[in-house]
Amino acid sequence: MAIKGLVSSIVKFLTDQLQDGDITADSRESLEVAIQCLESAYNVQASDAPANINLYQIYKNAADNAAPVLGPEATTEAKVEAERLKNEGNALMKQDKHHEALANYTKAITLDSRNAVYYCNRAAVHNKLGNHTLAIKDCNTALSIDPSYSKAYGRLGLAYSGLERHKEAKESYEKALAMEPDNESYRNNLQLAEEKLAQLGVNQSLPNLPGMDLSALLSNPSLMNMARQMLSDPAMQSMMCNLMSGNVEESGRIDLLIEA
């Protein structure tokens, strides 16, 4: 039963590729033959595939979470060239040439796949480009090579923050700060992540008021008179000023998500 479920899922994936995939006429013909062979050999159809299983997503999740496969130890010559490429990539980053820097770090990794710095630097580029999932993968690879690499935890926190995954971001910043207690950027980023989590908790605790007619409230003379009286109260004015100041401070603190 499991085998038929697997094969029918493969048939469904191939059928979807026929409909949605960008393939040539020759490839299309080959896919059609492959589908017919699988259907005939296992007596299945695409419609037999379990509705709650997405074969492509299963593969993608497994690939994203797979442990990195590191190459052999690089030769001395390869390490020298990889370091040159890394330094060149750093210079390109300072010039905001992110795509060129990304290419340099990738070449450095190809030459020396056991250097955690190269993965961490590439993660910084991915964060700049908004590729936060790829940044997470590179940070985790860097940490698999060097578990004490605080900068990798810092950039991992940035990547999680970019994905609004503030709990994981907080945990990453905590680990970075534990390794570098005097690092102010880690401390600031941790505080921001904690504030984001607290804000989410407040939002989730607010009552849901469906169907509230705001225009009707604003047109109610009694309510508007009450609002004017409240706003004329000096204590209420002070509280409103504090709230406004807090909002300005919050927006300004977004800039604290700096690279460590």
C-alpha atoms as a PDB file:
ATOM      1  CA  MET A   1       0.000   0.000   0.000  1.00  0.00           C
ATOM      2  CA  ALA A   2       2.791   2.399   0.916  1.00  0.00           C
ATOM      3  CA  ILE A   3       4.607   1.617  -2.333  1.00  0.00           C
ATOM      4  CA  LYS A   4       1.494   2.328  -4.397  1.00  0.00           C
ATOM      5  CA  GLY A   5       0.989   5.563  -2.487  1.00  0.00           C
ATOM      6  CA  LEU A   6       4.562   6.610  -3.228  1.00  0.00           C
ATOM      7  CA  VAL A   7       4.361   5.703  -6.917  1.00  0.00           C
ATOM      8  CA  SER A   8       0.995   7.426  -7.344  1.00  0.00           C
ATOM      9  CA  SER A   9       2.495  10.538  -5.727  1.00  0.00           C
ATOM     10  CA  ILE A  10       5.359  10.385  -8.228  1.00  0.00           C
ATOM     11  CA  VAL A  11       2.861  10.027 -11.070  1.00  0.00           C
ATOM     12  CA  LYS A  12       0.925  13.019  -9.735  1.00  0.00           C
ATOM     13  CA  PHE A  13       4.100  15.102  -9.549  1.00  0.00           C
ATOM     14  CA  LEU A  14       5.061  14.183 -13.116  1.00  0.00           C
ATOM     15  CA  THR A  15       1.518  14.921 -14.296  1.00  0.00           C
ATOM     16  CA  ASP A  16       1.669  18.332 -12.625  1.00  0.00           C
ATOM     17  CA  GLN A  17       4.964  18.963 -14.412  1.00  0.00           C
ATOM     18  CA  LEU A  18       3.249  18.264 -17.728  1.00  0.00           C
ATOM     19  CA  GLN A  19       0.663  20.911 -16.917  1.00  0.00           C
ATOM     20  CA  ASP A  20       2.749  23.538 -15.140  1.00  0.00           C
ATOM     21  CA  GLY A  21       6.391  22.773 -15.854  1.00  0.00           C
ATOM     22  CA  ASP A  22       8.475  24.716 -18.362  1.00  0.00           C
ATOM     23  CA  ILE A  23       9.593  21.747 -20.470  1.00  0.00           C
ATOM     24  CA  THR A  24      10.443  21.123 -24.116  1.00  0.00           C
ATOM     25  CA  ALA A  25       8.348  19.038 -26.504  1.00  0.00           C
ATOM     26  CA  ASP A  26      10.860  16.176 -26.316  1.00  0.00           C
ATOM     27  CA  SER A  27      10.846  16.262 -22.512  1.00  0.00           C
ATOM     28  CA  ARG A  28       7.053  16.326 -22.496  1.00  0.00           C
ATOM     29  CA  GLU A  29       6.934  13.182 -24.628  1.00  0.00           C
ATOM     30  CA  SER A  30       9.442  11.456 -22.340  1.00  0.00           C
ATOM     31  CA  LEU A  31       7.392  12.397 -19.271  1.00  0.00           C
ATOM     32  CA  GLU A  32       4.222  11.030 -20.828  1.00  0.00           C
ATOM     33  CA  VAL A  33       5.976   7.723 -21.531  1.00  0.00           C
ATOM     34  CA  ALA A  34       7.351   7.609 -17.967  1.00  0.00           C
ATOM     35  CA  ILE A  35       3.875   8.231 -16.520  1.00  0.00           C
ATOM     36  CA  GLN A  36       2.336   5.502 -18.677  1.00  0.00           C
ATOM     37  CA  CYS A  37       5.053   3.031 -17.659  1.00  0.00           C
ATOM     38  CA  LEU A  38       4.594   3.722 -13.944  1.00  0.00           C
ATOM     39  CA  GLU A  39       0.802   3.539 -14.183  1.00  0.00           C
ATOM     40  CA  SER A  40       1.020   0.237 -16.042  1.00  0.00           C
ATOM     41  CA  ALA A  41       3.712  -1.345 -13.858  1.00  0.00           C
ATOM     42  CA  TYR A  42       2.074  -0.467 -10.518  1.00  0.00           C
ATOM     43  CA  ASN A  43      -1.569  -0.210 -11.595  1.00  0.00           C
ATOM     44  CA  VAL A  44      -1.931   3.305 -10.204  1.00  0.00           C
ATOM     45  CA  GLN A  45      -3.092   6.743 -11.352  1.00  0.00           C
ATOM     46  CA  ALA A  46      -2.349  10.287 -10.252  1.00  0.00           C
ATOM     47  CA  SER A  47      -5.792  10.440  -8.638  1.00  0.00           C
ATOM     48  CA  ASP A  48      -4.731   7.626  -6.274  1.00  0.00           C
ATOM     49  CA  ALA A  49      -2.114   9.865  -4.624  1.00  0.00           C
ATOM     50  CA  PRO A  50      -2.862  10.743  -0.966  1.00  0.00           C
ATOM     51  CA  ALA A  51      -4.401  14.216  -0.884  1.00  0.00           C
ATOM     52  CA  ASN A  52      -2.473  15.272   2.218  1.00  0.00           C
ATOM     53  CA  ILE A  53       0.982  14.436   0.834  1.00  0.00           C
ATOM     54  CA  ASN A  54       2.980  16.805  -1.362  1.00  0.00           C
ATOM     55  CA  LEU A  55       5.983  14.872  -2.639  1.00  0.00           C
ATOM     56  CA  TYR A  56       7.852  17.969  -3.805  1.00  0.00           C
ATOM     57  CA  GLN A  57       7.374  19.734  -0.462  1.00  0.00           C
ATOM     58  CA  ILE A  58       8.563  16.650   1.421  1.00  0.00           C
ATOM     59  CA  TYR A  59      11.723  16.562  -0.681  1.00  0.00           C
ATOM     60  CA  LYS A  60      12.281  20.324  -0.329  1.00  0.00           C
ATOM     61  CA  ASN A  61      11.913  20.211   3.455  1.00  0.00           C
ATOM     62  CA  ALA A  62      14.301  17.264   3.669  1.00  0.00           C
ATOM     63  CA  ALA A  63      16.839  19.011   1.433  1.00  0.00           C
ATOM     64  CA  ASP A  64      16.611  22.271   3.391  1.00  0.00           C
ATOM     65  CA  ASN A  65      17.123  20.498   6.721  1.00  0.00           C
ATOM     66  CA  ALA A  66      19.705  17.975   5.582  1.00  0.00           C
ATOM     67  CA  ALA A  67      23.083  18.038   7.269  1.00  0.00           C
ATOM     68  CA  PRO A  68      25.669  19.748   5.062  1.00  0.00           C
ATOM     69  CA  VAL A  69      28.027  17.540   3.108  1.00  0.00           C
ATOM     70  CA  LEU A  70      31.488  19.037   3.413  1.00  0.00           C
ATOM     71  CA  GLY A  71      34.183  18.287   0.898  1.00  0.00           C
ATOM     72  CA  PRO A  72      37.692  17.046   1.666  1.00  0.00           C
ATOM     73  CA  GLU A  73      40.301  19.247   3.308  1.00  0.00           C
ATOM     74  CA  ALA A  74      41.401  21.919   0.840  1.00  0.00           C
ATOM     75  CA  THR A  75      44.963  22.141  -0.420  1.00  0.00           C
ATOM     76  CA  THR A  76      47.175  25.027   0.659  1.00  0.00           C
ATOM     77  CA  GLU A  77      46.868  26.618  -2.775  1.00  0.00           C
ATOM     78  CA  ALA A  78      43.074  26.315  -2.714  1.00  0.00           C
ATOM     79  CA  LYS A  79      42.917  27.890   0.745  1.00  0.00           C
ATOM     80  CA  VAL A  80      45.015  30.850  -0.377  1.00  0.00           C
ATOM     81  CA  GLU A  81      42.782  31.454  -3.405  1.00  0.00           C
ATOM     82  CA  ALA A  82      39.626  31.016  -1.319  1.00  0.00           C
ATOM     83  CA  GLU A  83      40.876  33.608   1.157  1.00  0.00           C
ATOM     84  CA  ARG A  84      41.598  36.021  -1.697  1.00  0.00           C
ATOM     85  CA  LEU A  85      38.070  35.546  -3.016  1.00  0.00           C
ATOM     86  CA  LYS A  86      36.635  36.097   0.465  1.00  0.00           C
ATOM     87  CA  ASN A  87      38.569  39.352   0.916  1.00  0.00           C
ATOM     88  CA  GLU A  88      37.437  40.505  -2.503  1.00  0.00           C
ATOM     89  CA  GLY A  89      33.875  39.634  -1.541  1.00  0.00           C
ATOM     90  CA  ASN A  90      34.208  41.717   1.631  1.00  0.00           C
ATOM     91  CA  ALA A  91      35.339  44.687  -0.457  1.00  0.00           C
ATOM     92  CA  LEU A  92      32.386  44.202  -2.806  1.00  0.00           C
ATOM     93  CA  MET A  93      30.003  44.164   0.162  1.00  0.00           C
ATOM     94  CA  LYS A  94      31.322  47.563   1.277  1.00  0.00           C
ATOM     95  CA  GLN A  95      30.487  48.831  -2.213  1.00  0.00           C
ATOM     96  CA  ASP A  96      26.957  47.369  -1.949  1.00  0.00           C
ATOM     97  CA  LYS A  97      27.728  44.997  -4.830  1.00  0.00           C
ATOM     98  CA  HIS A  98      25.865  42.166  -3.170  1.00  0.00           C
ATOM     99  CA  HIS A  99      25.401  39.826  -6.115  1.00  0.00           C
ATOM    100  CA  GLU A 100      29.096  40.027  -7.000  1.00  0.00           C
ATOM    101  CA  ALA A 101      30.034  39.406  -3.366  1.00  0.00           C
ATOM    102  CA  LEU A 102      27.703  36.404  -3.293  1.00  0.00           C
ATOM    103  CA  ALA A 103      29.503  34.924  -6.302  1.00  0.00           C
ATOM    104  CA  ASN A 104      32.879  35.420  -4.618  1.00  0.00           C
ATOM    105  CA  TYR A 105      31.855  33.746  -1.365  1.00  0.00           C
ATOM    106  CA  THR A 106      30.345  30.836  -3.289  1.00  0.00           C
ATOM    107  CA  LYS A 107      33.596  30.362  -5.206  1.00  0.00           C
ATOM    108  CA  ALA A 108      35.520  30.465  -1.932  1.00  0.00           C
ATOM    109  CA  ILE A 109      33.246  27.754  -0.505  1.00  0.00           C
ATOM    110  CA  THR A 110      33.789  25.629  -3.609  1.00  0.00           C
ATOM    111  CA  LEU A 111      37.540  25.816  -3.022  1.00  0.00           C
ATOM    112  CA  ASP A 112      37.428  25.377   0.759  1.00  0.00           C
ATOM    113  CA  SER A 113      34.117  23.983   1.994  1.00  0.00           C
ATOM    114  CA  ARG A 114      35.326  23.561   5.579  1.00  0.00           C
ATOM    115  CA  ASN A 115      35.776  27.251   6.393  1.00  0.00           C
ATOM    116  CA  ALA A 116      32.892  28.525   8.533  1.00  0.00           C
ATOM    117  CA  VAL A 117      33.662  32.177   7.752  1.00  0.00           C
ATOM    118  CA  TYR A 118      32.784  31.796   4.080  1.00  0.00           C
ATOM    119  CA  TYR A 119      29.326  30.410   4.859  1.00  0.00           C
ATOM    120  CA  CYS A 120      28.717  33.110   7.463  1.00  0.00           C
ATOM    121  CA  ASN A 121      29.755  35.864   5.043  1.00  0.00           C
ATOM    122  CA  ARG A 122      27.502  34.429   2.362  1.00  0.00           C
ATOM    123  CA  ALA A 123      24.684  34.384   4.912  1.00  0.00           C
ATOM    124  CA  ALA A 124      25.227  38.130   5.379  1.00  0.00           C
ATOM    125  CA  VAL A 125      24.711  38.639   1.633  1.00  0.00           C
ATOM    126  CA  HIS A 126      21.595  36.475   1.645  1.00  0.00           C
ATOM    127  CA  ASN A 127      20.190  38.594   4.478  1.00  0.00           C
ATOM    128  CA  LYS A 128      20.923  41.765   2.510  1.00  0.00           C
ATOM    129  CA  LEU A 129      19.141  40.325  -0.534  1.00  0.00           C
ATOM    130  CA  GLY A 130      16.177  39.124   1.520  1.00  0.00           C
ATOM    131  CA  ASN A 131      17.015  35.444   1.004  1.00  0.00           C
ATOM    132  CA  HIS A 132      16.574  34.668   4.692  1.00  0.00           C
ATOM    133  CA  THR A 133      15.928  30.938   4.297  1.00  0.00           C
ATOM    134  CA  LEU A 134      19.245  30.543   2.467  1.00  0.00           C
ATOM    135  CA  ALA A 135      20.929  32.653   5.143  1.00  0.00           C
ATOM    136  CA  ILE A 136      19.619  30.279   7.824  1.00  0.00           C
ATOM    137  CA  LYS A 137      21.021  27.312   5.931  1.00  0.00           C
ATOM    138  CA  ASP A 138      24.458  28.926   5.579  1.00  0.00           C
ATOM    139  CA  CYS A 139      24.528  29.959   9.245  1.00  0.00           C
ATOM    140  CA  ASN A 140      23.682  26.418  10.325  1.00  0.00           C
ATOM    141  CA  THR A 141      26.437  25.065   8.090  1.00  0.00           C
ATOM    142  CA  ALA A 142      28.901  27.524   9.619  1.00  0.00           C
ATOM    143  CA  LEU A 143      27.829  26.417  13.106  1.00  0.00           C
ATOM    144  CA  SER A 144      28.184  22.748  12.189  1.00  0.00           C
ATOM    145  CA  ILE A 145      31.822  23.531  11.384  1.00  0.00           C
ATOM    146  CA  ASP A 146      32.401  25.867  14.335  1.00  0.00           C
ATOM    147  CA  PRO A 147      29.738  25.635  17.095  1.00  0.00           C
ATOM    148  CA  SER A 148      31.367  28.544  18.966  1.00  0.00           C
ATOM    149  CA  TYR A 149      31.030  30.986  16.067  1.00  0.00           C
ATOM    150  CA  SER A 150      29.073  33.827  17.672  1.00  0.00           C
ATOM    151  CA  LYS A 151      28.777  35.864  14.471  1.00  0.00           C
ATOM    152  CA  ALA A 152      26.952  32.960  12.815  1.00  0.00           C
ATOM    153  CA  TYR A 153      24.395  32.993  15.641  1.00  0.00           C
ATOM    154  CA  GLY A 154      24.045  36.765  15.235  1.00  0.00           C
ATOM    155  CA  ARG A 155      23.350  36.496  11.521  1.00  0.00           C
ATOM    156  CA  LEU A 156      21.059  33.543  12.149  1.00  0.00           C
ATOM    157  CA  GLY A 157      19.053  35.836  14.402  1.00  0.00           C
ATOM    158  CA  LEU A 158      18.869  38.439  11.634  1.00  0.00           C
ATOM    159  CA  ALA A 159      17.580  35.828   9.197  1.00  0.00           C
ATOM    160  CA  TYR A 160      14.889  34.638  11.603  1.00  0.00           C
ATOM    161  CA  SER A 161      13.905  38.257  12.278  1.00  0.00           C
ATOM    162  CA  GLY A 162      13.556  38.797   8.536  1.00  0.00           C
ATOM    163  CA  LEU A 163      11.084  35.906   8.459  1.00  0.00           C
ATOM    164  CA  GLU A 164       9.184  37.288  11.491  1.00  0.00           C
ATOM    165  CA  ARG A 165      10.241  34.208  13.454  1.00  0.00           C
ATOM    166  CA  HIS A 166      11.034  36.202  16.570  1.00  0.00           C
ATOM    167  CA  LYS A 167      11.192  33.264  18.990  1.00  0.00           C
ATOM    168  CA  GLU A 168      14.015  31.637  16.996  1.00  0.00           C
ATOM    169  CA  ALA A 169      15.639  35.049  16.545  1.00  0.00           C
ATOM    170  CA  LYS A 170      15.607  35.596  20.319  1.00  0.00           C
ATOM    171  CA  GLU A 171      17.196  32.194  20.933  1.00  0.00           C
ATOM    172  CA  SER A 172      19.907  32.892  18.349  1.00  0.00           C
ATOM    173  CA  TYR A 173      20.758  36.304  19.827  1.00  0.00           C
ATOM    174  CA  GLU A 174      20.892  34.786  23.307  1.00  0.00           C
ATOM    175  CA  LYS A 175      23.465  32.252  22.128  1.00  0.00           C
ATOM    176  CA  ALA A 176      25.488  34.952  20.369  1.00  0.00           C
ATOM    177  CA  LEU A 177      25.399  37.158  23.465  1.00  0.00           C
ATOM    178  CA  ALA A 178      26.423  34.279  25.730  1.00  0.00           C
ATOM    179  CA  MET A 179      29.594  33.970  23.653  1.00  0.00           C
ATOM    180  CA  GLU A 180      30.180  37.738  23.423  1.00  0.00           C
ATOM    181  CA  PRO A 181      28.580  39.339  26.508  1.00  0.00           C
ATOM    182  CA  ASP A 182      29.917  42.807  25.650  1.00  0.00           C
ATOM    183  CA  ASN A 183      28.552  42.898  22.089  1.00  0.00           C
ATOM    184  CA  GLU A 184      26.040  45.759  22.024  1.00  0.00           C
ATOM    185  CA  SER A 185      24.510  44.840  18.664  1.00  0.00           C
ATOM    186  CA  TYR A 186      23.615  41.363  19.935  1.00  0.00           C
ATOM    187  CA  ARG A 187      22.150  42.905  23.085  1.00  0.00           C
ATOM    188  CA  ASN A 188      20.097  45.455  21.115  1.00  0.00           C
ATOM    189  CA  ASN A 189      18.864  42.866  18.636  1.00  0.00           C
ATOM    190  CA  LEU A 190      17.893  40.534  21.479  1.00  0.00           C
ATOM    191  CA  GLN A 191      15.935  43.327  23.148  1.00  0.00           C
ATOM    192  CA  LEU A 192      14.146  44.109  19.889  1.00  0.00           C
ATOM    193  CA  ALA A 193      13.241  40.431  19.388  1.00  0.00           C
ATOM    194  CA  GLU A 194      11.879  40.279  22.948  1.00  0.00           C
ATOM    195  CA  GLU A 195       9.796  43.401  22.319  1.00  0.00           C
ATOM    196  CA  LYS A 196       8.417  41.901  19.116  1.00  0.00           C
ATOM    197  CA  LEU A 197       7.420  38.746  21.003  1.00  0.00           C
ATOM    198  CA  ALA A 198       5.774  40.814  23.729  1.00  0.00           C
ATOM    199  CA  GLN A 199       3.918  42.837  21.117  1.00  0.00           C
ATOM    200  CA  LEU A 200       2.660  39.656  19.471  1.00  0.00           C
ATOM    201  CA  GLY A 201       1.422  38.446  22.843  1.00  0.00           C
ATOM    202  CA  VAL A 202      -0.502  41.681  23.415  1.00  0.00           C
ATOM    203  CA  ASN A 203      -2.050  41.577  19.945  1.00  0.00           C
ATOM    204  CA  GLN A 204      -3.177  37.987  20.428  1.00  0.00           C
ATOM    205  CA  SER A 205      -4.784  38.846  23.776  1.00  0.00           C
ATOM    206  CA  LEU A 206      -6.853  41.723  22.361  1.00  0.00           C
ATOM    207  CA  PRO A 207     -10.557  40.862  21.968  1.00  0.00           C
ATOM    208  CA  ASN A 208     -11.925  40.357  18.478  1.00  0.00           C
ATOM    209  CA  LEU A 209     -14.794  42.773  17.818  1.00  0.00           C
ATOM    210  CA  PRO A 210     -16.345  41.758  14.501  1.00  0.00           C
ATOM    211  CA  GLY A 211     -18.901  43.990  12.884  1.00  0.00           C
ATOM    212  CA  MET A 212     -17.982  47.139  14.815  1.00  0.00           C
ATOM    213  CA  ASP A 213     -19.289  50.185  12.888  1.00  0.00           C
ATOM    214  CA  LEU A 214     -16.628  52.848  13.467  1.00  0.00           C
ATOM    215  CA  SER A 215     -18.554  55.506  11.521  1.00  0.00           C
ATOM    216  CA  ALA A 216     -21.562  55.004  13.793  1.00  0.00           C
ATOM    217  CA  LEU A 217     -19.381  55.456  16.873  1.00  0.00           C
ATOM    218  CA  LEU A 218     -17.833  58.651  15.520  1.00  0.00           C
ATOM    219  CA  SER A 219     -21.263  60.087  14.701  1.00  0.00           C
ATOM    220  CA  ASN A 220     -22.573  59.438  18.217  1.00  0.00           C
ATOM    221  CA  PRO A 221     -22.741  62.884  19.959  1.00  0.00           C
ATOM    222  CA  SER A 222     -22.483  61.426  23.473  1.00  0.00           C
ATOM    223  CA  LEU A 223     -19.371  59.413  22.686  1.00  0.00           C
ATOM    224  CA  MET A 224     -17.712  62.322  20.882  1.00  0.00           C
ATOM    225  CA  ASN A 225     -18.426  64.625  23.840  1.00  0.00           C
ATOM    226  CA  MET A 226     -16.921  62.037  26.210  1.00  0.00           C
ATOM    227  CA  ALA A 227     -13.836  61.793  24.008  1.00  0.00           C
ATOM    228  CA  ARG A 228     -13.375  65.581  24.034  1.00  0.00           C
ATOM    229  CA  GLN A 229     -13.609  65.647  27.827  1.00  0.00           C
ATOM    230  CA  MET A 230     -11.049  62.857  28.167  1.00  0.00           C
ATOM    231  CA  LEU A 231      -8.605  64.546  25.803  1.00  0.00           C
ATOM    232  CA  SER A 232      -8.898  67.820  27.706  1.00  0.00           C
ATOM    233  CA  ASP A 233      -7.653  66.039  30.855  1.00  0.00           C
ATOM    234  CA  PRO A 234      -3.903  66.888  31.382  1.00  0.00           C
ATOM    235  CA  ALA A 235      -3.211  63.370  32.661  1.00  0.00           C
ATOM    236  CA  MET A 236      -4.763  61.870  29.547  1.00  0.00           C
ATOM    237  CA  GLN A 237      -2.773  64.274  27.348  1.00  0.00           C
ATOM    238  CA  SER A 238       0.445  63.181  29.066  1.00  0.00           C
ATOM    239  CA  MET A 239      -0.383  59.512  28.557  1.00  0.00           C
ATOM    240  CA  MET A 240      -1.088  60.108  24.872  1.00  0.00           C
ATOM    241  CA  CYS A 241       2.239  61.908  24.481  1.00  0.00           C
ATOM    242  CA  ASN A 242       4.031  58.972  26.085  1.00  0.00           C
ATOM    243  CA  LEU A 243       2.295  56.545  23.760  1.00  0.00           C
ATOM    244  CA  MET A 244       3.244  58.635  20.746  1.00  0.00           C
ATOM    245  CA  SER A 245       6.862  58.820  21.932  1.00  0.00           C
ATOM    246  CA  GLY A 246       6.892  55.061  22.364  1.00  0.00           C
ATOM    247  CA  ASN A 247       5.731  54.551  18.796  1.00  0.00           C
ATOM    248  CA  VAL A 248       8.457  56.809  17.460  1.00  0.00           C
ATOM    249  CA  GLU A 249      11.059  54.970  19.517  1.00  0.00           C
ATOM    250  CA  GLU A 250       9.810  51.597  18.262  1.00  0.00           C
ATOM    251  CA  SER A 251      10.053  52.621  14.610  1.00  0.00           C
ATOM    252  CA  GLY A 252      13.525  53.999  15.149  1.00  0.00           C
ATOM    253  CA  ARG A 253      14.716  50.789  16.763  1.00  0.00           C
ATOM    254  CA  ILE A 254      14.156  48.841  13.570  1.00  0.00           C
ATOM    255  CA  ASP A 255      17.548  50.190  12.540  1.00  0.00           C
ATOM    256  CA  LEU A 256      19.076  48.188  15.386  1.00  0.00           C
ATOM    257  CA  LEU A 257      18.784  45.022  13.273  1.00  0.00           C
ATOM    258  CA  ILE A 258      22.335  45.582  12.123  1.00  0.00           C
ATOM    259  CA  GLU A 259      24.782  42.938  11.091  1.00  0.00           C
ATOM    260  CA  ALA A 260      27.066  41.673  13.809  1.00  0.00           C
END
